[in-house]
N, C-alpha and C. Protein backbone atom coordinates (compact mmCIF):
# COMPACT_ATOMS: atom_id res chain seq x y z
N MET A 1 0.73 -1.13 -0.05
CA MET A 1 -0.01 -0.08 0.02
C MET A 1 0.87 1.39 -0.05
N LEU A 2 1.94 1.34 0.83
CA LEU A 2 2.82 2.37 0.77
C LEU A 2 3.53 2.62 -0.60
N TRP A 3 3.97 1.59 -1.14
CA TRP A 3 4.45 1.63 -2.51
C TRP A 3 3.83 2.21 -3.43
N PHE A 4 2.52 1.75 -3.49
CA PHE A 4 1.58 2.44 -4.40
C PHE A 4 1.25 3.92 -4.11
N ARG A 5 1.19 4.33 -2.97
CA ARG A 5 1.01 5.79 -2.65
C ARG A 5 2.19 6.65 -2.94
N GLY A 6 3.47 5.93 -2.89
CA GLY A 6 4.73 6.42 -3.06
C GLY A 6 4.71 6.97 -4.70
N ASN A 7 4.27 5.98 -5.38
CA ASN A 7 4.15 6.07 -6.87
C ASN A 7 3.19 7.15 -7.32
N GLN A 8 2.15 7.30 -6.56
CA GLN A 8 1.10 8.26 -6.86
C GLN A 8 1.70 9.67 -6.67
N VAL A 9 2.50 9.78 -5.43
CA VAL A 9 2.92 10.92 -5.16
C VAL A 9 4.06 11.44 -6.24
N ARG A 10 4.88 10.50 -6.63
CA ARG A 10 5.90 10.79 -7.62
C ARG A 10 5.17 11.04 -9.04
N LEU A 11 4.05 10.40 -9.24
CA LEU A 11 3.40 10.95 -10.47
C LEU A 11 2.78 12.09 -10.42
N ALA A 12 2.16 12.55 -9.24
CA ALA A 12 1.59 13.73 -9.05
C ALA A 12 2.70 15.05 -9.30
N ARG A 13 3.85 14.73 -8.56
CA ARG A 13 4.91 15.60 -8.65
C ARG A 13 5.53 15.81 -9.92
N TYR A 14 5.51 14.54 -10.78
CA TYR A 14 6.15 14.58 -12.14
C TYR A 14 4.96 15.64 -13.06
N SER A 15 3.59 15.08 -12.95
CA SER A 15 2.77 15.73 -13.72
C SER A 15 2.71 17.19 -13.35
N PHE A 16 2.77 17.60 -12.08
CA PHE A 16 2.84 19.07 -11.83
C PHE A 16 3.94 19.87 -12.44
N GLY A 17 5.26 19.27 -12.33
CA GLY A 17 6.26 19.77 -12.86
C GLY A 17 6.29 19.94 -14.43
N PHE A 18 5.72 18.87 -15.15
CA PHE A 18 5.42 18.85 -16.47
C PHE A 18 4.50 20.07 -16.84
N LEU A 19 3.43 20.17 -16.10
CA LEU A 19 2.51 21.08 -16.35
C LEU A 19 3.16 22.67 -16.33
N LEU A 20 3.93 22.75 -15.20
CA LEU A 20 4.60 23.95 -15.01
C LEU A 20 5.53 24.32 -16.19
N ARG A 21 6.30 23.24 -16.61
CA ARG A 21 7.21 23.52 -17.60
C ARG A 21 6.49 23.81 -19.04
N ASN A 22 5.39 23.17 -19.30
CA ASN A 22 4.62 23.62 -20.41
C ASN A 22 4.17 25.04 -20.47
N LEU A 23 3.51 25.25 -19.23
CA LEU A 23 2.88 26.81 -19.02
C LEU A 23 4.14 27.71 -19.28
N SER A 24 5.22 27.60 -18.77
CA SER A 24 6.29 28.48 -18.88
C SER A 24 6.90 28.51 -20.36
N ALA A 25 6.78 27.32 -21.06
CA ALA A 25 7.19 27.29 -22.39
C ALA A 25 6.16 28.22 -23.28
N CYS A 26 4.87 28.12 -22.96
CA CYS A 26 4.01 28.80 -23.66
C CYS A 26 4.07 30.30 -23.48
N LYS A 27 4.30 30.73 -22.03
CA LYS A 27 4.45 32.14 -21.81
C LYS A 27 5.75 32.61 -22.59
N THR A 28 6.85 32.01 -22.53
CA THR A 28 8.04 32.46 -23.06
C THR A 28 7.95 32.75 -24.62
N ASP A 29 6.76 31.87 -25.36
CA ASP A 29 6.85 32.33 -26.74
C ASP A 29 6.17 33.58 -26.97
N LEU A 30 5.49 34.31 -26.07
CA LEU A 30 5.01 35.58 -26.18
C LEU A 30 6.16 36.61 -26.17
N PRO A 31 5.90 37.71 -27.14
CA PRO A 31 7.01 38.69 -27.05
C PRO A 31 6.90 39.43 -25.67
N VAL A 32 7.83 40.21 -25.28
CA VAL A 32 7.75 40.89 -23.97
C VAL A 32 7.65 42.31 -24.23
N LEU A 33 6.62 43.02 -23.86
CA LEU A 33 6.45 44.44 -23.89
C LEU A 33 6.92 44.96 -22.55
N THR A 34 8.00 45.89 -22.73
CA THR A 34 8.48 46.46 -21.37
C THR A 34 7.93 47.82 -21.29
N LEU A 35 7.28 48.31 -20.07
CA LEU A 35 7.04 49.56 -19.92
C LEU A 35 7.71 50.15 -18.96
N PHE A 36 8.54 51.43 -19.38
CA PHE A 36 9.28 52.03 -18.38
C PHE A 36 8.48 53.18 -17.84
N THR A 37 8.31 53.12 -16.50
CA THR A 37 7.30 53.77 -15.85
C THR A 37 7.79 54.22 -14.53
N LYS A 38 7.02 55.03 -13.76
CA LYS A 38 7.29 55.53 -12.28
C LYS A 38 6.01 55.69 -11.55
N ASP A 39 6.08 55.91 -10.26
CA ASP A 39 4.84 55.91 -9.43
C ASP A 39 4.93 57.47 -9.02
N PRO A 40 3.92 58.26 -9.17
CA PRO A 40 2.71 57.96 -10.04
C PRO A 40 3.02 58.44 -11.41
N CYS A 41 2.21 57.95 -12.21
CA CYS A 41 2.30 58.14 -13.85
C CYS A 41 0.95 57.95 -14.46
N PRO A 42 0.29 58.94 -14.30
CA PRO A 42 -1.11 58.84 -15.18
C PRO A 42 -1.12 58.49 -16.50
N LEU A 43 -0.17 59.09 -17.30
CA LEU A 43 0.03 58.53 -18.58
C LEU A 43 0.28 56.99 -18.74
N CYS A 44 1.13 56.54 -17.90
CA CYS A 44 1.24 55.12 -17.84
C CYS A 44 0.03 54.34 -17.57
N ASP A 45 -0.71 54.77 -16.58
CA ASP A 45 -2.01 54.16 -16.21
C ASP A 45 -2.87 54.00 -17.47
N GLU A 46 -2.94 55.32 -18.13
CA GLU A 46 -3.80 55.46 -19.39
C GLU A 46 -3.22 54.64 -20.37
N ALA A 47 -2.16 54.33 -20.61
CA ALA A 47 -1.40 53.47 -21.53
C ALA A 47 -1.86 52.04 -21.22
N LYS A 48 -1.80 51.47 -19.97
CA LYS A 48 -2.14 50.21 -19.53
C LYS A 48 -3.49 49.84 -19.89
N GLU A 49 -4.48 50.79 -19.93
CA GLU A 49 -5.88 50.68 -20.12
C GLU A 49 -5.99 50.35 -21.61
N VAL A 50 -5.20 51.19 -22.39
CA VAL A 50 -5.22 50.97 -24.02
C VAL A 50 -4.70 49.66 -24.18
N LEU A 51 -3.83 49.01 -23.56
CA LEU A 51 -3.32 47.90 -23.96
C LEU A 51 -4.05 46.57 -23.47
N LYS A 52 -4.99 46.88 -22.56
CA LYS A 52 -5.73 45.71 -22.15
C LYS A 52 -6.27 44.70 -23.03
N PRO A 53 -6.85 45.26 -24.35
CA PRO A 53 -7.24 44.25 -25.22
C PRO A 53 -6.26 43.37 -26.06
N TYR A 54 -4.87 43.76 -25.72
CA TYR A 54 -3.78 43.08 -26.41
C TYR A 54 -3.00 42.25 -25.47
N ASN A 55 -3.40 42.21 -24.10
CA ASN A 55 -2.76 41.42 -23.09
C ASN A 55 -2.40 39.95 -23.22
N ASN A 56 -3.35 39.42 -24.12
CA ASN A 56 -3.08 37.90 -24.54
C ASN A 56 -1.84 37.64 -25.39
N ARG A 57 -1.49 38.87 -26.14
CA ARG A 57 -0.35 38.78 -27.21
C ARG A 57 0.91 39.06 -26.91
N PHE A 58 1.18 39.46 -25.49
CA PHE A 58 2.44 39.77 -25.02
C PHE A 58 2.47 39.75 -23.47
N ILE A 59 3.62 39.57 -23.01
CA ILE A 59 4.00 39.59 -21.59
C ILE A 59 4.32 41.03 -21.21
N LEU A 60 3.59 41.72 -20.34
CA LEU A 60 3.89 43.21 -19.98
C LEU A 60 4.83 43.01 -18.74
N GLN A 61 5.96 43.73 -19.05
CA GLN A 61 7.04 43.74 -17.88
C GLN A 61 7.10 45.41 -17.60
N GLU A 62 6.93 45.64 -16.27
CA GLU A 62 7.14 47.05 -16.01
C GLU A 62 8.34 47.32 -15.23
N VAL A 63 9.11 48.52 -15.67
CA VAL A 63 10.33 48.84 -15.00
C VAL A 63 10.17 50.27 -14.38
N ASP A 64 10.21 50.25 -12.98
CA ASP A 64 10.25 51.57 -12.39
C ASP A 64 11.42 52.20 -12.47
N ILE A 65 11.60 53.27 -13.27
CA ILE A 65 12.90 54.02 -13.49
C ILE A 65 13.32 54.67 -12.41
N THR A 66 12.59 54.79 -11.38
CA THR A 66 13.01 55.45 -9.96
C THR A 66 13.69 54.64 -8.99
N LEU A 67 13.75 53.38 -9.26
CA LEU A 67 14.62 52.41 -8.42
C LEU A 67 15.92 52.50 -8.78
N PRO A 68 16.76 52.48 -7.66
CA PRO A 68 18.31 52.67 -7.88
C PRO A 68 19.00 51.75 -8.88
N GLN A 69 18.56 50.63 -8.99
CA GLN A 69 19.07 49.64 -10.11
C GLN A 69 18.77 49.97 -11.40
N HIS A 70 17.76 50.85 -11.63
CA HIS A 70 17.27 51.46 -12.87
C HIS A 70 17.73 52.79 -13.23
N SER A 71 18.80 53.22 -12.60
CA SER A 71 19.31 54.70 -12.71
C SER A 71 19.58 55.13 -14.26
N ALA A 72 20.10 54.22 -14.93
CA ALA A 72 20.40 54.38 -16.36
C ALA A 72 19.24 54.55 -17.14
N TRP A 73 18.19 53.86 -16.77
CA TRP A 73 16.87 54.22 -17.50
C TRP A 73 16.41 55.52 -17.16
N TYR A 74 16.49 55.77 -15.88
CA TYR A 74 15.92 57.24 -15.48
C TYR A 74 16.49 58.18 -15.95
N GLU A 75 17.87 58.24 -16.22
CA GLU A 75 18.49 59.43 -16.97
C GLU A 75 18.09 59.40 -18.59
N ARG A 76 17.91 58.29 -18.95
CA ARG A 76 17.37 58.20 -20.39
C ARG A 76 16.09 58.58 -20.59
N TYR A 77 15.15 58.09 -19.71
CA TYR A 77 13.71 58.37 -19.96
C TYR A 77 13.00 59.14 -19.08
N LYS A 78 13.65 59.85 -18.09
CA LYS A 78 12.93 60.71 -16.95
C LYS A 78 11.86 61.57 -17.55
N PHE A 79 11.99 62.29 -18.84
CA PHE A 79 11.06 63.23 -19.23
C PHE A 79 10.19 62.64 -20.31
N ASP A 80 10.13 61.17 -20.55
CA ASP A 80 9.47 60.70 -21.73
C ASP A 80 8.65 59.58 -21.35
N ILE A 81 8.36 59.18 -20.13
CA ILE A 81 7.52 58.16 -19.87
C ILE A 81 6.08 58.35 -20.19
N PRO A 82 5.35 57.35 -20.45
CA PRO A 82 5.72 55.94 -20.69
C PRO A 82 6.55 55.72 -21.95
N VAL A 83 7.40 54.97 -21.75
CA VAL A 83 8.20 54.43 -22.88
C VAL A 83 8.01 52.91 -22.98
N PHE A 84 8.12 52.33 -24.20
CA PHE A 84 7.86 51.16 -24.48
C PHE A 84 8.81 50.47 -25.25
N HIS A 85 9.36 49.12 -24.99
CA HIS A 85 10.17 48.42 -25.74
C HIS A 85 9.51 47.04 -26.06
N LEU A 86 9.76 46.67 -27.26
CA LEU A 86 9.15 45.18 -27.49
C LEU A 86 10.39 44.31 -27.84
N ASN A 87 10.49 43.33 -26.98
CA ASN A 87 11.49 42.33 -27.14
C ASN A 87 12.86 42.93 -27.05
N GLY A 88 13.01 44.13 -26.09
CA GLY A 88 14.28 44.76 -26.03
C GLY A 88 14.50 45.79 -26.93
N GLN A 89 13.63 46.09 -27.92
CA GLN A 89 13.87 47.30 -28.87
C GLN A 89 12.95 48.32 -28.58
N PHE A 90 13.25 49.65 -28.79
CA PHE A 90 12.50 50.71 -28.51
C PHE A 90 11.19 50.58 -29.62
N LEU A 91 10.08 50.89 -29.06
CA LEU A 91 8.95 50.80 -29.74
C LEU A 91 8.23 52.21 -29.94
N MET A 92 7.92 52.66 -28.65
CA MET A 92 7.18 53.96 -28.74
C MET A 92 7.29 54.66 -27.52
N MET A 93 6.87 55.92 -27.35
CA MET A 93 6.99 56.66 -26.04
C MET A 93 5.83 57.57 -26.02
N HIS A 94 5.52 58.17 -24.77
CA HIS A 94 4.39 59.17 -24.39
C HIS A 94 2.94 58.48 -24.46
N ARG A 95 2.51 58.02 -25.52
CA ARG A 95 1.39 57.36 -25.71
C ARG A 95 1.47 55.97 -26.50
N VAL A 96 0.38 55.31 -26.29
CA VAL A 96 0.44 53.88 -27.19
C VAL A 96 -0.12 54.28 -28.65
N ASN A 97 0.63 53.85 -29.41
CA ASN A 97 0.41 53.87 -30.91
C ASN A 97 -0.08 52.58 -31.14
N VAL A 98 -1.51 52.38 -31.26
CA VAL A 98 -1.89 51.16 -31.56
C VAL A 98 -1.62 50.44 -32.73
N SER A 99 -1.66 51.40 -33.79
CA SER A 99 -1.46 50.77 -35.30
C SER A 99 0.02 50.20 -35.21
N LYS A 100 1.12 50.99 -34.55
CA LYS A 100 2.36 50.54 -34.54
C LYS A 100 2.57 49.24 -33.74
N LEU A 101 1.80 49.19 -32.54
CA LEU A 101 1.99 47.89 -31.79
C LEU A 101 1.38 46.84 -32.51
N GLU A 102 0.19 46.80 -33.15
CA GLU A 102 -0.39 46.00 -33.87
C GLU A 102 0.48 45.39 -35.01
N LYS A 103 1.00 46.32 -35.80
CA LYS A 103 2.04 45.93 -36.99
C LYS A 103 3.16 45.20 -36.17
N GLU A 104 3.72 45.47 -35.26
CA GLU A 104 4.86 44.82 -34.72
C GLU A 104 4.45 43.46 -34.15
N LEU A 105 3.37 43.42 -33.56
CA LEU A 105 2.89 42.13 -32.90
C LEU A 105 2.60 41.03 -33.88
N LEU A 106 2.09 41.52 -35.15
CA LEU A 106 1.75 40.84 -36.19
C LEU A 106 3.01 40.29 -36.88
N LYS A 107 3.90 41.05 -37.03
CA LYS A 107 5.37 40.77 -37.57
C LYS A 107 5.95 39.65 -36.65
N LEU A 108 5.93 39.66 -35.32
CA LEU A 108 6.39 38.70 -34.48
C LEU A 108 5.66 37.36 -34.55
N GLU A 109 4.29 37.44 -34.59
CA GLU A 109 3.31 36.33 -34.71
C GLU A 109 3.57 35.61 -35.88
N GLN A 110 3.71 36.34 -36.95
CA GLN A 110 4.05 35.77 -38.26
C GLN A 110 5.42 35.03 -38.29
N HIS A 111 6.42 35.60 -37.61
CA HIS A 111 7.64 34.98 -37.56
C HIS A 111 7.62 33.77 -36.94
N GLY A 112 6.93 33.71 -35.77
CA GLY A 112 6.73 32.48 -34.95
C GLY A 112 6.11 31.46 -35.59
N ALA A 113 4.94 31.84 -36.47
CA ALA A 113 4.22 30.74 -37.22
C ALA A 113 5.12 30.07 -38.20
N GLU A 114 5.82 31.01 -38.98
CA GLU A 114 6.47 30.57 -40.02
C GLU A 114 7.99 29.96 -39.80
N GLY A 115 8.46 30.37 -38.46
CA GLY A 115 9.76 29.83 -38.22
C GLY A 115 10.91 30.43 -38.85
N GLY A 116 10.80 31.36 -39.62
CA GLY A 116 12.01 32.09 -40.24
C GLY A 116 12.06 33.43 -39.73
N PRO A 117 13.03 34.17 -40.25
CA PRO A 117 13.25 35.51 -39.79
C PRO A 117 12.43 36.58 -40.13
N VAL A 118 12.31 37.50 -39.34
CA VAL A 118 11.21 38.67 -39.73
C VAL A 118 11.87 39.76 -40.71
N SER A 119 11.15 39.83 -41.74
CA SER A 119 11.76 40.80 -42.70
C SER A 119 11.23 42.17 -42.41
N SER A 120 11.88 43.15 -42.46
CA SER A 120 11.54 44.65 -42.32
C SER A 120 11.13 45.28 -43.54
């Protein structure tokens, strides 16, 4: 009886680990949209509202430029937030440009579906 329970526990642990790995893999397939922000930032709050319909197409990463470890970003963007990078590349600043975001997300999605390089 203990042997059977031990295998059930191992199976449950294996299944849970497998599930977590698959969820992580799915998440990492999405592009990362980085929002450079600070608190308070009414324009950033407005931008996040505009982005809500697209939330399933990217992972939103927020970087608070006022934190000591982000001082380089503070020097660069202190007068321009919100600033957005897509997969580490500058995308837009001040307000969300929905058509530009759509275009870049579509390029990345097509790149992922085709498995080839994105043409500019």
